[in-house]
C-alpha cells in the first residue's frame, strides 16, 4: 500500500461533505467514520492518489449540480484540498 503522505486537516463539516459527495471507500472511509463525535477538527492521512481522486469527485459534484445547496461549502473544501495538494500544507487557516 502507498504511503499516507498527505496529512489534511478537516472540520467535521468537511468530513460530512466528503462522505456525502466524495465516493470514498476502504481505509479512508473507515478513518472518516471513526471520527469522534466531540472532535471538531481532525488531521486525516491519505495517499496522493486518494487526494487526487477526492478532489475530482467533489469537483464533479459541484459542476454537475449534485451538491445542491452545499455547492459553496463543497467548492471551499475543494479549494482547501487543492491548496494542500499543490503546497503540501494541509492545515486550515482558522482563527479561534
PDB file of N, CA and C in Angstrom:
ATOM      1  N   UNK A   1       0.834  -1.182   0.000  1.00  0.00           N
ATOM      2  CA  UNK A   1       0.000   0.000   0.000  1.00  0.00           C
ATOM      3  C   UNK A   1       0.876   1.241   0.000  1.00  0.00           C
ATOM      4  N   UNK A   2       0.439   2.260  -0.693  1.00  0.00           N
ATOM      5  CA  UNK A   2       1.190   3.505  -0.768  1.00  0.00           C
ATOM      6  C   UNK A   2       1.227   4.197   0.583  1.00  0.00           C
ATOM      7  N   UNK A   3       2.233   5.022   0.759  1.00  0.00           N
ATOM      8  CA  UNK A   3       2.351   5.782   1.996  1.00  0.00           C
ATOM      9  C   UNK A   3       1.264   6.838   2.090  1.00  0.00           C
ATOM     10  N   UNK A   4       0.820   7.084   3.297  1.00  0.00           N
ATOM     11  CA  UNK A   4      -0.160   8.141   3.542  1.00  0.00           C
ATOM     12  C   UNK A   4       0.597   9.460   3.667  1.00  0.00           C
ATOM     13  N   UNK A   5       1.040   9.979   2.538  1.00  0.00           N
ATOM     14  CA  UNK A   5       1.913  11.150   2.517  1.00  0.00           C
ATOM     15  C   UNK A   5       1.174  12.459   2.710  1.00  0.00           C
ATOM     16  N   UNK A   6      -0.121  12.461   2.477  1.00  0.00           N
ATOM     17  CA  UNK A   6      -0.893  13.699   2.580  1.00  0.00           C
ATOM     18  C   UNK A   6      -1.595  13.737   3.934  1.00  0.00           C
ATOM     19  N   UNK A   7      -1.336  14.780   4.704  1.00  0.00           N
ATOM     20  CA  UNK A   7      -1.961  14.964   6.020  1.00  0.00           C
ATOM     21  C   UNK A   7      -2.837  16.203   5.927  1.00  0.00           C
ATOM     22  N   UNK A   8      -4.146  15.993   5.893  1.00  0.00           N
ATOM     23  CA  UNK A   8      -5.088  17.069   5.646  1.00  0.00           C
ATOM     24  C   UNK A   8      -5.924  17.324   6.897  1.00  0.00           C
ATOM     25  N   UNK A   9      -5.927  18.567   7.355  1.00  0.00           N
ATOM     26  CA  UNK A   9      -6.751  18.945   8.497  1.00  0.00           C
ATOM     27  C   UNK A   9      -8.160  19.252   7.981  1.00  0.00           C
ATOM     28  N   UNK A  10      -9.146  18.617   8.596  1.00  0.00           N
ATOM     29  CA  UNK A  10     -10.535  18.764   8.168  1.00  0.00           C
ATOM     30  C   UNK A  10     -11.421  19.122   9.351  1.00  0.00           C
ATOM     31  N   UNK A  11     -12.518  19.805   9.043  1.00  0.00           N
ATOM     32  CA  UNK A  11     -13.545  20.055  10.051  1.00  0.00           C
ATOM     33  C   UNK A  11     -14.568  18.923   9.985  1.00  0.00           C
ATOM     34  N   UNK A  12     -15.422  18.879  10.958  1.00  0.00           N
ATOM     35  CA  UNK A  12     -16.492  17.878  10.955  1.00  0.00           C
ATOM     36  C   UNK A  12     -17.412  18.086   9.747  1.00  0.00           C
ATOM     37  N   UNK A  13     -17.653  19.355   9.375  1.00  0.00           N
ATOM     38  CA  UNK A  13     -18.466  19.643   8.187  1.00  0.00           C
ATOM     39  C   UNK A  13     -17.789  19.093   6.928  1.00  0.00           C
ATOM     40  N   UNK A  14     -16.458  19.263   6.838  1.00  0.00           N
ATOM     41  CA  UNK A  14     -15.719  18.706   5.698  1.00  0.00           C
ATOM     42  C   UNK A  14     -15.928  17.200   5.621  1.00  0.00           C
ATOM     43  N   UNK A  15     -15.818  16.551   6.770  1.00  0.00           N
ATOM     44  CA  UNK A  15     -15.998  15.092   6.827  1.00  0.00           C
ATOM     45  C   UNK A  15     -17.360  14.700   6.287  1.00  0.00           C
ATOM     46  N   UNK A  16     -18.395  15.405   6.726  1.00  0.00           N
ATOM     47  CA  UNK A  16     -19.753  15.090   6.274  1.00  0.00           C
ATOM     48  C   UNK A  16     -19.902  15.295   4.768  1.00  0.00           C
ATOM     49  N   UNK A  17     -19.309  16.371   4.249  1.00  0.00           N
ATOM     50  CA  UNK A  17     -19.376  16.638   2.807  1.00  0.00           C
ATOM     51  C   UNK A  17     -18.636  15.566   2.011  1.00  0.00           C
ATOM     52  N   UNK A  18     -17.484  15.150   2.508  1.00  0.00           N
ATOM     53  CA  UNK A  18     -16.708  14.111   1.818  1.00  0.00           C
ATOM     54  C   UNK A  18     -17.496  12.804   1.775  1.00  0.00           C
ATOM     55  N   UNK A  19     -18.094  12.432   2.894  1.00  0.00           N
ATOM     56  CA  UNK A  19     -18.865  11.185   2.919  1.00  0.00           C
ATOM     57  C   UNK A  19     -20.119  11.274   2.045  1.00  0.00           C
ATOM     58  N   UNK A  20     -20.665  12.465   1.892  1.00  0.00           N
ATOM     59  CA  UNK A  20     -21.884  12.639   1.103  1.00  0.00           C
ATOM     60  C   UNK A  20     -21.604  12.724  -0.393  1.00  0.00           C
ATOM     61  N   UNK A  21     -20.517  13.416  -0.779  1.00  0.00           N
ATOM     62  CA  UNK A  21     -20.265  13.688  -2.197  1.00  0.00           C
ATOM     63  C   UNK A  21     -18.959  13.103  -2.730  1.00  0.00           C
ATOM     64  N   UNK A  22     -18.165  12.455  -1.876  1.00  0.00           N
ATOM     65  CA  UNK A  22     -16.813  12.092  -2.267  1.00  0.00           C
ATOM     66  C   UNK A  22     -16.547  10.672  -2.707  1.00  0.00           C
ATOM     67  N   UNK A  23     -17.493   9.776  -2.715  1.00  0.00           N
ATOM     68  CA  UNK A  23     -17.290   8.402  -3.187  1.00  0.00           C
ATOM     69  C   UNK A  23     -16.047   7.751  -2.591  1.00  0.00           C
ATOM     70  N   UNK A  24     -15.816   7.933  -1.293  1.00  0.00           N
ATOM     71  CA  UNK A  24     -14.654   7.317  -0.642  1.00  0.00           C
ATOM     72  C   UNK A  24     -15.008   5.905  -0.199  1.00  0.00           C
ATOM     73  N   UNK A  25     -13.997   5.066  -0.082  1.00  0.00           N
ATOM     74  CA  UNK A  25     -14.209   3.704   0.392  1.00  0.00           C
ATOM     75  C   UNK A  25     -12.939   3.213   1.068  1.00  0.00           C
ATOM     76  N   UNK A  26     -13.023   2.029   1.597  1.00  0.00           N
ATOM     77  CA  UNK A  26     -11.847   1.394   2.177  1.00  0.00           C
ATOM     78  C   UNK A  26     -11.310   2.115   3.394  1.00  0.00           C
ATOM     79  N   UNK A  27     -10.005   2.213   3.465  1.00  0.00           N
ATOM     80  CA  UNK A  27      -9.315   2.766   4.613  1.00  0.00           C
ATOM     81  C   UNK A  27      -9.710   4.215   4.889  1.00  0.00           C
ATOM     82  N   UNK A  28      -9.816   5.041   3.839  1.00  0.00           N
ATOM     83  CA  UNK A  28     -10.159   6.446   4.030  1.00  0.00           C
ATOM     84  C   UNK A  28     -11.578   6.594   4.587  1.00  0.00           C
ATOM     85  N   UNK A  29     -12.507   5.843   4.056  1.00  0.00           N
ATOM     86  CA  UNK A  29     -13.880   5.896   4.568  1.00  0.00           C
ATOM     87  C   UNK A  29     -13.922   5.467   6.035  1.00  0.00           C
ATOM     88  N   UNK A  30     -13.218   4.400   6.365  1.00  0.00           N
ATOM     89  CA  UNK A  30     -13.186   3.918   7.750  1.00  0.00           C
ATOM     90  C   UNK A  30     -12.602   4.980   8.679  1.00  0.00           C
ATOM     91  N   UNK A  31     -11.556   5.649   8.229  1.00  0.00           N
ATOM     92  CA  UNK A  31     -10.937   6.703   9.023  1.00  0.00           C
ATOM     93  C   UNK A  31     -11.913   7.849   9.277  1.00  0.00           C
ATOM     94  N   UNK A  32     -12.650   8.243   8.254  1.00  0.00           N
ATOM     95  CA  UNK A  32     -13.619   9.330   8.408  1.00  0.00           C
ATOM     96  C   UNK A  32     -14.789   8.916   9.299  1.00  0.00           C
ATOM     97  N   UNK A  33     -15.220   7.699   9.196  1.00  0.00           N
ATOM     98  CA  UNK A  33     -16.362   7.232  10.002  1.00  0.00           C
ATOM     99  C   UNK A  33     -15.988   7.019  11.477  1.00  0.00           C
ATOM    100  N   UNK A  34     -14.708   6.816  11.763  1.00  0.00           N
ATOM    101  CA  UNK A  34     -14.242   6.654  13.160  1.00  0.00           C
ATOM    102  C   UNK A  34     -14.087   7.991  13.885  1.00  0.00           C
ATOM    103  N   UNK A  35     -14.367   9.078  13.223  1.00  0.00           N
ATOM    104  CA  UNK A  35     -14.188  10.417  13.776  1.00  0.00           C
ATOM    105  C   UNK A  35     -14.973  10.549  15.085  1.00  0.00           C
ATOM    106  N   UNK A  36     -14.319  10.884  16.204  1.00  0.00           N
ATOM    107  CA  UNK A  36     -15.035  11.061  17.475  1.00  0.00           C
ATOM    108  C   UNK A  36     -16.058  12.197  17.384  1.00  0.00           C
ATOM    109  N   UNK A  37     -17.236  11.977  17.918  1.00  0.00           N
ATOM    110  CA  UNK A  37     -18.339  12.944  17.799  1.00  0.00           C
ATOM    111  C   UNK A  37     -18.015  14.302  18.416  1.00  0.00           C
ATOM    112  N   UNK A  38     -17.181  14.329  19.449  1.00  0.00           N
ATOM    113  CA  UNK A  38     -16.881  15.594  20.117  1.00  0.00           C
ATOM    114  C   UNK A  38     -15.655  16.308  19.546  1.00  0.00           C
ATOM    115  N   UNK A  39     -15.049  15.775  18.518  1.00  0.00           N
ATOM    116  CA  UNK A  39     -13.845  16.360  17.933  1.00  0.00           C
ATOM    117  C   UNK A  39     -14.221  17.243  16.740  1.00  0.00           C
ATOM    118  N   UNK A  40     -13.895  18.546  16.827  1.00  0.00           N
ATOM    119  CA  UNK A  40     -14.254  19.491  15.768  1.00  0.00           C
ATOM    120  C   UNK A  40     -13.310  19.428  14.574  1.00  0.00           C
ATOM    121  N   UNK A  41     -12.020  19.256  14.848  1.00  0.00           N
ATOM    122  CA  UNK A  41     -11.002  19.183  13.798  1.00  0.00           C
ATOM    123  C   UNK A  41     -10.261  17.866  13.905  1.00  0.00           C
ATOM    124  N   UNK A  42      -9.807  17.392  12.756  1.00  0.00           N
ATOM    125  CA  UNK A  42      -9.009  16.165  12.752  1.00  0.00           C
ATOM    126  C   UNK A  42      -8.095  16.179  11.541  1.00  0.00           C
ATOM    127  N   UNK A  43      -6.894  15.661  11.726  1.00  0.00           N
ATOM    128  CA  UNK A  43      -5.953  15.526  10.618  1.00  0.00           C
ATOM    129  C   UNK A  43      -6.103  14.108  10.071  1.00  0.00           C
ATOM    130  N   UNK A  44      -6.380  14.017   8.779  1.00  0.00           N
ATOM    131  CA  UNK A  44      -6.630  12.734   8.128  1.00  0.00           C
ATOM    132  C   UNK A  44      -5.495  12.451   7.147  1.00  0.00           C
ATOM    133  N   UNK A  45      -4.947  11.251   7.229  1.00  0.00           N
ATOM    134  CA  UNK A  45      -3.900  10.845   6.306  1.00  0.00           C
ATOM    135  C   UNK A  45      -4.492  10.169   5.083  1.00  0.00           C
ATOM    136  N   UNK A  46      -3.908  10.467   3.929  1.00  0.00           N
ATOM    137  CA  UNK A  46      -4.345   9.820   2.690  1.00  0.00           C
ATOM    138  C   UNK A  46      -3.189   9.792   1.709  1.00  0.00           C
ATOM    139  N   UNK A  47      -3.317   8.944   0.717  1.00  0.00           N
ATOM    140  CA  UNK A  47      -2.296   8.878  -0.325  1.00  0.00           C
ATOM    141  C   UNK A  47      -2.520  10.015  -1.310  1.00  0.00           C
ATOM    142  N   UNK A  48      -1.516  10.277  -2.128  1.00  0.00           N
ATOM    143  CA  UNK A  48      -1.663  11.308  -3.169  1.00  0.00           C
ATOM    144  C   UNK A  48      -2.773  10.942  -4.138  1.00  0.00           C
ATOM    145  N   UNK A  49      -2.880   9.663  -4.437  1.00  0.00           N
ATOM    146  CA  UNK A  49      -3.930   9.202  -5.355  1.00  0.00           C
ATOM    147  C   UNK A  49      -5.305   9.422  -4.734  1.00  0.00           C
ATOM    148  N   UNK A  50      -5.471   9.075  -3.457  1.00  0.00           N
ATOM    149  CA  UNK A  50      -6.754   9.308  -2.786  1.00  0.00           C
ATOM    150  C   UNK A  50      -7.116  10.787  -2.794  1.00  0.00           C
ATOM    151  N   UNK A  51      -6.136  11.646  -2.530  1.00  0.00           N
ATOM    152  CA  UNK A  51      -6.391  13.087  -2.534  1.00  0.00           C
ATOM    153  C   UNK A  51      -6.803  13.553  -3.924  1.00  0.00           C
ATOM    154  N   UNK A  52      -6.082  13.111  -4.931  1.00  0.00           N
ATOM    155  CA  UNK A  52      -6.401  13.481  -6.319  1.00  0.00           C
ATOM    156  C   UNK A  52      -7.817  13.040  -6.699  1.00  0.00           C
ATOM    157  N   UNK A  53      -8.159  11.803  -6.386  1.00  0.00           N
ATOM    158  CA  UNK A  53      -9.491  11.284  -6.715  1.00  0.00           C
ATOM    159  C   UNK A  53     -10.585  11.994  -5.926  1.00  0.00           C
ATOM    160  N   UNK A  54     -10.313  12.310  -4.672  1.00  0.00           N
ATOM    161  CA  UNK A  54     -11.291  13.005  -3.843  1.00  0.00           C
ATOM    162  C   UNK A  54     -11.586  14.395  -4.401  1.00  0.00           C
ATOM    163  N   UNK A  55     -10.551  15.114  -4.799  1.00  0.00           N
ATOM    164  CA  UNK A  55     -10.748  16.436  -5.402  1.00  0.00           C
ATOM    165  C   UNK A  55     -11.602  16.310  -6.661  1.00  0.00           C
ATOM    166  N   UNK A  56     -11.309  15.322  -7.484  1.00  0.00           N
ATOM    167  CA  UNK A  56     -12.087  15.107  -8.704  1.00  0.00           C
ATOM    168  C   UNK A  56     -13.543  14.791  -8.421  1.00  0.00           C
ATOM    169  N   UNK A  57     -13.791  13.927  -7.447  1.00  0.00           N
ATOM    170  CA  UNK A  57     -15.168  13.567  -7.079  1.00  0.00           C
ATOM    171  C   UNK A  57     -15.952  14.782  -6.592  1.00  0.00           C
ATOM    172  N   UNK A  58     -15.331  15.560  -5.706  1.00  0.00           N
ATOM    173  CA  UNK A  58     -16.020  16.724  -5.153  1.00  0.00           C
ATOM    174  C   UNK A  58     -16.252  17.792  -6.221  1.00  0.00           C
ATOM    175  N   UNK A  59     -15.265  18.007  -7.077  1.00  0.00           N
ATOM    176  CA  UNK A  59     -15.420  18.973  -8.174  1.00  0.00           C
ATOM    177  C   UNK A  59     -16.538  18.542  -9.107  1.00  0.00           C
ATOM    178  N   UNK A  60     -16.593  17.263  -9.406  1.00  0.00           N
ATOM    179  CA  UNK A  60     -17.647  16.722 -10.270  1.00  0.00           C
ATOM    180  C   UNK A  60     -19.028  16.977  -9.660  1.00  0.00           C
ATOM    181  N   UNK A  61     -19.141  16.782  -8.359  1.00  0.00           N
ATOM    182  CA  UNK A  61     -20.416  17.028  -7.682  1.00  0.00           C
ATOM    183  C   UNK A  61     -20.841  18.490  -7.801  1.00  0.00           C
ATOM    184  N   UNK A  62     -19.869  19.407  -7.768  1.00  0.00           N
ATOM    185  CA  UNK A  62     -20.179  20.837  -7.924  1.00  0.00           C
ATOM    186  C   UNK A  62     -20.601  21.148  -9.352  1.00  0.00           C
ATOM    187  N   UNK A  63     -19.804  20.712 -10.299  1.00  0.00           N
ATOM    188  CA  UNK A  63     -20.038  21.039 -11.712  1.00  0.00           C
ATOM    189  C   UNK A  63     -21.339  20.441 -12.220  1.00  0.00           C
ATOM    190  N   UNK A  64     -21.648  19.241 -11.823  1.00  0.00           N
ATOM    191  CA  UNK A  64     -22.853  18.555 -12.309  1.00  0.00           C
ATOM    192  C   UNK A  64     -24.102  18.889 -11.495  1.00  0.00           C
ATOM    193  N   UNK A  65     -23.979  19.786 -10.517  1.00  0.00           N
ATOM    194  CA  UNK A  65     -25.134  20.204  -9.734  1.00  0.00           C
ATOM    195  C   UNK A  65     -25.587  19.213  -8.685  1.00  0.00           C
ATOM    196  N   UNK A  66     -24.776  18.209  -8.408  1.00  0.00           N
ATOM    197  CA  UNK A  66     -25.162  17.188  -7.432  1.00  0.00           C
ATOM    198  C   UNK A  66     -25.033  17.678  -5.989  1.00  0.00           C
ATOM    199  N   UNK A  67     -24.267  18.751  -5.785  1.00  0.00           N
ATOM    200  CA  UNK A  67     -24.045  19.256  -4.431  1.00  0.00           C
ATOM    201  C   UNK A  67     -25.201  20.120  -3.934  1.00  0.00           C
ATOM    202  N   UNK A  68     -26.089  20.519  -4.814  1.00  0.00           N
ATOM    203  CA  UNK A  68     -27.271  21.287  -4.424  1.00  0.00           C
ATOM    204  C   UNK A  68     -26.934  22.502  -3.585  1.00  0.00           C
ATOM    205  N   UNK A  69     -27.577  22.621  -2.433  1.00  0.00           N
ATOM    206  CA  UNK A  69     -27.366  23.780  -1.561  1.00  0.00           C
ATOM    207  C   UNK A  69     -25.997  23.757  -0.877  1.00  0.00           C
ATOM    208  N   UNK A  70     -25.284  22.648  -0.978  1.00  0.00           N
ATOM    209  CA  UNK A  70     -23.944  22.532  -0.390  1.00  0.00           C
ATOM    210  C   UNK A  70     -22.846  22.973  -1.350  1.00  0.00           C
ATOM    211  N   UNK A  71     -23.207  23.483  -2.519  1.00  0.00           N
ATOM    212  CA  UNK A  71     -22.218  23.735  -3.567  1.00  0.00           C
ATOM    213  C   UNK A  71     -21.097  24.669  -3.100  1.00  0.00           C
ATOM    214  N   UNK A  72     -21.417  25.725  -2.367  1.00  0.00           N
ATOM    215  CA  UNK A  72     -20.371  26.648  -1.908  1.00  0.00           C
ATOM    216  C   UNK A  72     -19.444  25.975  -0.899  1.00  0.00           C
ATOM    217  N   UNK A  73     -20.003  25.225   0.011  1.00  0.00           N
ATOM    218  CA  UNK A  73     -19.187  24.529   1.014  1.00  0.00           C
ATOM    219  C   UNK A  73     -18.296  23.482   0.353  1.00  0.00           C
ATOM    220  N   UNK A  74     -18.822  22.771  -0.639  1.00  0.00           N
ATOM    221  CA  UNK A  74     -18.029  21.762  -1.351  1.00  0.00           C
ATOM    222  C   UNK A  74     -16.929  22.446  -2.162  1.00  0.00           C
ATOM    223  N   UNK A  75     -17.250  23.573  -2.793  1.00  0.00           N
ATOM    224  CA  UNK A  75     -16.241  24.318  -3.560  1.00  0.00           C
ATOM    225  C   UNK A  75     -15.128  24.815  -2.639  1.00  0.00           C
ATOM    226  N   UNK A  76     -15.477  25.307  -1.451  1.00  0.00           N
ATOM    227  CA  UNK A  76     -14.465  25.745  -0.481  1.00  0.00           C
ATOM    228  C   UNK A  76     -13.594  24.575  -0.032  1.00  0.00           C
ATOM    229  N   UNK A  77     -14.203  23.426   0.178  1.00  0.00           N
ATOM    230  CA  UNK A  77     -13.451  22.226   0.548  1.00  0.00           C
ATOM    231  C   UNK A  77     -12.493  21.838  -0.576  1.00  0.00           C
ATOM    232  N   UNK A  78     -12.954  21.911  -1.811  1.00  0.00           N
ATOM    233  CA  UNK A  78     -12.085  21.622  -2.964  1.00  0.00           C
ATOM    234  C   UNK A  78     -10.889  22.564  -2.982  1.00  0.00           C
ATOM    235  N   UNK A  79     -11.138  23.856  -2.726  1.00  0.00           N
ATOM    236  CA  UNK A  79     -10.043  24.831  -2.686  1.00  0.00           C
ATOM    237  C   UNK A  79      -9.012  24.439  -1.634  1.00  0.00           C
ATOM    238  N   UNK A  80      -9.481  24.042  -0.458  1.00  0.00           N
ATOM    239  CA  UNK A  80      -8.578  23.632   0.625  1.00  0.00           C
ATOM    240  C   UNK A  80      -7.760  22.402   0.212  1.00  0.00           C
ATOM    241  N   UNK A  81      -8.424  21.416  -0.370  1.00  0.00           N
ATOM    242  CA  UNK A  81      -7.734  20.191  -0.783  1.00  0.00           C
ATOM    243  C   UNK A  81      -6.757  20.453  -1.923  1.00  0.00           C
ATOM    244  N   UNK A  82      -7.140  21.296  -2.871  1.00  0.00           N
ATOM    245  CA  UNK A  82      -6.246  21.628  -3.985  1.00  0.00           C
ATOM    246  C   UNK A  82      -5.022  22.383  -3.490  1.00  0.00           C
ATOM    247  N   UNK A  83      -5.210  23.287  -2.537  1.00  0.00           N
ATOM    248  CA  UNK A  83      -4.083  24.014  -1.955  1.00  0.00           C
ATOM    249  C   UNK A  83      -3.136  23.037  -1.260  1.00  0.00           C
ATOM    250  N   UNK A  84      -3.703  22.113  -0.502  1.00  0.00           N
ATOM    251  CA  UNK A  84      -2.886  21.106   0.180  1.00  0.00           C
ATOM    252  C   UNK A  84      -2.125  20.248  -0.827  1.00  0.00           C
ATOM    253  N   UNK A  85      -2.781  19.888  -1.908  1.00  0.00           N
ATOM    254  CA  UNK A  85      -2.143  19.077  -2.944  1.00  0.00           C
ATOM    255  C   UNK A  85      -0.984  19.837  -3.592  1.00  0.00           C
ATOM    256  N   UNK A  86      -1.202  21.112  -3.849  1.00  0.00           N
ATOM    257  CA  UNK A  86      -0.213  21.939  -4.538  1.00  0.00           C
ATOM    258  C   UNK A  86       0.982  22.285  -3.651  1.00  0.00           C
ATOM    259  N   UNK A  87       0.728  22.569  -2.366  1.00  0.00           N
ATOM    260  CA  UNK A  87       1.776  23.095  -1.490  1.00  0.00           C
ATOM    261  C   UNK A  87       2.287  22.100  -0.452  1.00  0.00           C
ATOM    262  N   UNK A  88       1.503  21.054  -0.189  1.00  0.00           N
ATOM    263  CA  UNK A  88       1.871  20.129   0.881  1.00  0.00           C
ATOM    264  C   UNK A  88       1.427  20.608   2.251  1.00  0.00           C
ATOM    265  N   UNK A  89       0.747  21.754   2.309  1.00  0.00           N
ATOM    266  CA  UNK A  89       0.259  22.319   3.567  1.00  0.00           C
ATOM    267  C   UNK A  89      -1.221  22.014   3.709  1.00  0.00           C
ATOM    268  N   UNK A  90      -1.559  21.028   4.526  1.00  0.00           N
ATOM    269  CA  UNK A  90      -2.948  20.628   4.702  1.00  0.00           C
ATOM    270  C   UNK A  90      -3.639  21.286   5.876  1.00  0.00           C
ATOM    271  N   UNK A  91      -2.962  22.254   6.523  1.00  0.00           N
ATOM    272  CA  UNK A  91      -3.553  22.927   7.679  1.00  0.00           C
ATOM    273  C   UNK A  91      -4.642  23.900   7.254  1.00  0.00           C
ATOM    274  N   UNK A  92      -5.650  24.017   8.092  1.00  0.00           N
ATOM    275  CA  UNK A  92      -6.700  25.010   7.887  1.00  0.00           C
ATOM    276  C   UNK A  92      -6.242  26.332   8.484  1.00  0.00           C
ATOM    277  N   UNK A  93      -6.619  27.414   7.866  1.00  0.00           N
ATOM    278  CA  UNK A  93      -6.323  28.743   8.397  1.00  0.00           C
ATOM    279  C   UNK A  93      -7.534  29.218   9.178  1.00  0.00           C
ATOM    280  N   UNK A  94      -7.628  28.768  10.412  1.00  0.00           N
ATOM    281  CA  UNK A  94      -8.770  29.099  11.259  1.00  0.00           C
ATOM    282  C   UNK A  94      -8.274  29.907  12.453  1.00  0.00           C
ATOM    283  N   UNK A  95      -8.902  31.041  12.655  1.00  0.00           N
ATOM    284  CA  UNK A  95      -8.586  31.859  13.825  1.00  0.00           C
ATOM    285  C   UNK A  95      -9.600  31.543  14.913  1.00  0.00           C
ATOM    286  N   UNK A  96      -9.128  31.143  16.072  1.00  0.00           N
ATOM    287  CA  UNK A  96     -10.027  30.802  17.181  1.00  0.00           C
ATOM    288  C   UNK A  96     -10.108  31.949  18.136  1.00  0.00           C
TER     289      UNK A  96
END
